[in-house]
Amino acid sequence: KGEPLFEPVVGNFAQGMTTSVPLHLGTLASVPKGADLHAALADHYASIPGSFVKVAPYDPALGKTPALDPQVHNGTNTLTLHVFANDARAQAAIVAVYDNLGKGASGAAVQNLNLMLGVAAAESLAA
């Protein structure tokens, strides 16, 4: 029991990052399955016009994927979420892949400035 634990991954590269959020689903009153978590995230981000957040396809048998390359989104404001789950153990991990220099603080600052100025959220941001 407790709060989620954020697990950034660092390596020998100038930019790009993954962050993993392990979830102990057994602590919830109603335990969702991995497919439920994926569907909730996919539905949410699909409903946001022009969202920079993508949700990778869900495959419960998938143990690893080359899409977890921390540098895959370098030079963009894109963030991809992956859902991995062990339904039998009521455990899951949500893994974000993004460019920490693009989607990180600088990208968020530009996006917030765009919202304050009333211009498109994507103005001056690489997708």
Protein backbone atom coordinates (compact mmCIF):
# COMPACT_ATOMS: atom_id res chain seq x y z
CA LYS A 1 0.00 0.00 0.00
CA GLY A 2 1.11 3.54 -0.59
CA GLU A 3 1.65 6.10 -3.26
CA PRO A 4 2.93 5.27 -6.77
CA LEU A 5 6.70 5.11 -7.15
CA PHE A 6 8.11 6.99 -10.15
CA GLU A 7 11.09 5.25 -11.74
CA PRO A 8 13.02 7.33 -14.29
CA VAL A 9 15.50 5.46 -16.48
CA VAL A 10 18.79 7.13 -17.25
CA GLY A 11 21.44 6.03 -19.71
CA ASN A 12 24.32 7.16 -21.83
CA PHE A 13 22.36 9.50 -24.12
CA ALA A 14 22.02 13.26 -24.25
CA GLN A 15 18.24 13.36 -24.31
CA GLY A 16 15.25 11.08 -24.24
CA MET A 17 13.77 9.38 -21.21
CA THR A 18 11.39 6.75 -19.93
CA THR A 19 9.54 6.96 -16.65
CA SER A 20 7.80 3.96 -15.14
CA VAL A 21 4.94 4.16 -12.64
CA PRO A 22 4.32 0.79 -10.97
CA LEU A 23 0.76 0.30 -9.74
CA HIS A 24 -0.31 -2.09 -6.99
CA LEU A 25 -3.87 -2.63 -8.18
CA GLY A 26 -4.73 -5.04 -5.35
CA THR A 27 -4.94 -2.07 -2.99
CA LEU A 28 -8.00 -0.73 -4.83
CA ALA A 29 -11.56 -1.60 -3.89
CA SER A 30 -12.27 -2.65 -7.49
CA VAL A 31 -9.21 -4.14 -9.23
CA PRO A 32 -8.96 -3.14 -12.90
CA LYS A 33 -7.34 -5.39 -15.50
CA GLY A 34 -4.50 -4.20 -17.71
CA ALA A 35 -6.88 -3.91 -20.65
CA ASP A 36 -9.13 -1.63 -18.54
CA LEU A 37 -6.20 0.67 -17.69
CA HIS A 38 -5.17 0.80 -21.34
CA ALA A 39 -8.72 1.54 -22.51
CA ALA A 40 -9.12 4.36 -19.96
CA LEU A 41 -5.86 6.02 -21.03
CA ALA A 42 -6.50 5.50 -24.76
CA ASP A 43 -10.05 6.89 -24.53
CA HIS A 44 -8.93 9.89 -22.49
CA TYR A 45 -6.09 10.98 -24.76
CA ALA A 46 -8.02 10.23 -27.96
CA SER A 47 -10.68 12.68 -26.77
CA ILE A 48 -8.18 15.58 -26.60
CA PRO A 49 -7.91 17.35 -29.96
CA GLY A 50 -4.28 17.72 -31.05
CA SER A 51 -2.96 15.79 -28.05
CA PHE A 52 0.77 15.13 -28.04
CA VAL A 53 0.16 12.03 -25.90
CA LYS A 54 -0.19 8.72 -27.73
CA VAL A 55 -1.08 5.38 -26.15
CA ALA A 56 0.74 2.35 -27.55
CA PRO A 57 -1.35 -0.70 -28.49
CA TYR A 58 -1.98 -3.08 -25.60
CA ASP A 59 -0.71 -6.65 -25.79
CA PRO A 60 -0.98 -8.59 -22.51
CA ALA A 61 1.56 -11.15 -23.76
CA LEU A 62 4.14 -8.49 -24.57
CA GLY A 63 7.15 -8.70 -22.29
CA LYS A 64 9.32 -6.09 -23.96
CA THR A 65 9.14 -3.83 -26.95
CA PRO A 66 11.65 -1.91 -29.05
CA ALA A 67 9.27 1.07 -28.80
CA LEU A 68 10.64 1.67 -25.30
CA ASP A 69 13.72 3.24 -26.87
CA PRO A 70 14.15 6.38 -24.72
CA GLN A 71 15.32 8.37 -27.74
CA VAL A 72 12.43 7.53 -30.11
CA HIS A 73 10.76 10.94 -29.58
CA ASN A 74 13.89 13.11 -29.52
CA GLY A 75 13.25 16.54 -30.98
CA THR A 76 9.48 16.32 -30.51
CA ASN A 77 6.84 17.15 -27.94
CA THR A 78 5.34 13.65 -28.26
CA LEU A 79 4.91 11.33 -25.31
CA THR A 80 3.87 7.68 -25.69
CA LEU A 81 2.30 5.71 -22.84
CA HIS A 82 2.67 1.94 -22.59
CA VAL A 83 0.63 -0.26 -20.25
CA PHE A 84 2.12 -3.51 -18.96
CA ALA A 85 0.14 -5.64 -16.53
CA ASN A 86 0.11 -8.90 -14.64
CA ASP A 87 -3.59 -9.39 -14.02
CA ALA A 88 -3.03 -12.53 -11.91
CA ARG A 89 -0.92 -10.54 -9.44
CA ALA A 90 -2.97 -7.32 -9.72
CA GLN A 91 0.12 -5.39 -10.76
CA ALA A 92 0.70 -2.98 -13.62
CA ALA A 93 3.21 -0.46 -14.85
CA ILE A 94 2.56 2.58 -16.97
CA VAL A 95 5.69 3.57 -18.88
CA ALA A 96 6.06 6.96 -20.54
CA VAL A 97 8.59 7.50 -23.35
CA TYR A 98 9.44 11.12 -24.17
CA ASP A 99 12.15 13.63 -24.95
CA ASN A 100 12.95 15.17 -21.57
CA LEU A 101 14.26 18.27 -23.36
CA GLY A 102 11.22 18.58 -25.65
CA LYS A 103 8.23 17.26 -23.72
CA GLY A 104 9.92 18.18 -20.46
CA ALA A 105 9.79 21.56 -18.76
CA SER A 106 10.58 23.60 -21.88
CA GLY A 107 7.82 21.99 -23.97
CA ALA A 108 5.35 22.37 -21.12
CA ALA A 109 6.30 26.04 -20.73
CA VAL A 110 5.71 26.75 -24.44
CA GLN A 111 2.42 24.85 -24.40
CA ASN A 112 1.22 26.77 -21.31
CA LEU A 113 2.27 30.08 -22.85
CA ASN A 114 0.30 29.19 -25.99
CA LEU A 115 -2.78 28.50 -23.86
CA MET A 116 -2.37 31.83 -22.02
CA LEU A 117 -2.03 33.69 -25.33
CA GLY A 118 -5.06 31.95 -26.81
CA VAL A 119 -3.14 30.34 -29.68
CA ALA A 120 -3.10 26.68 -30.70
CA ALA A 121 -1.44 24.48 -28.08
CA ALA A 122 0.93 23.09 -30.73
CA GLU A 123 2.21 26.51 -31.89
CA SER A 124 6.03 26.43 -32.11
CA LEU A 125 6.22 22.80 -30.89
CA ALA A 126 7.48 19.89 -32.97
CA ALA A 127 5.00 17.02 -33.02
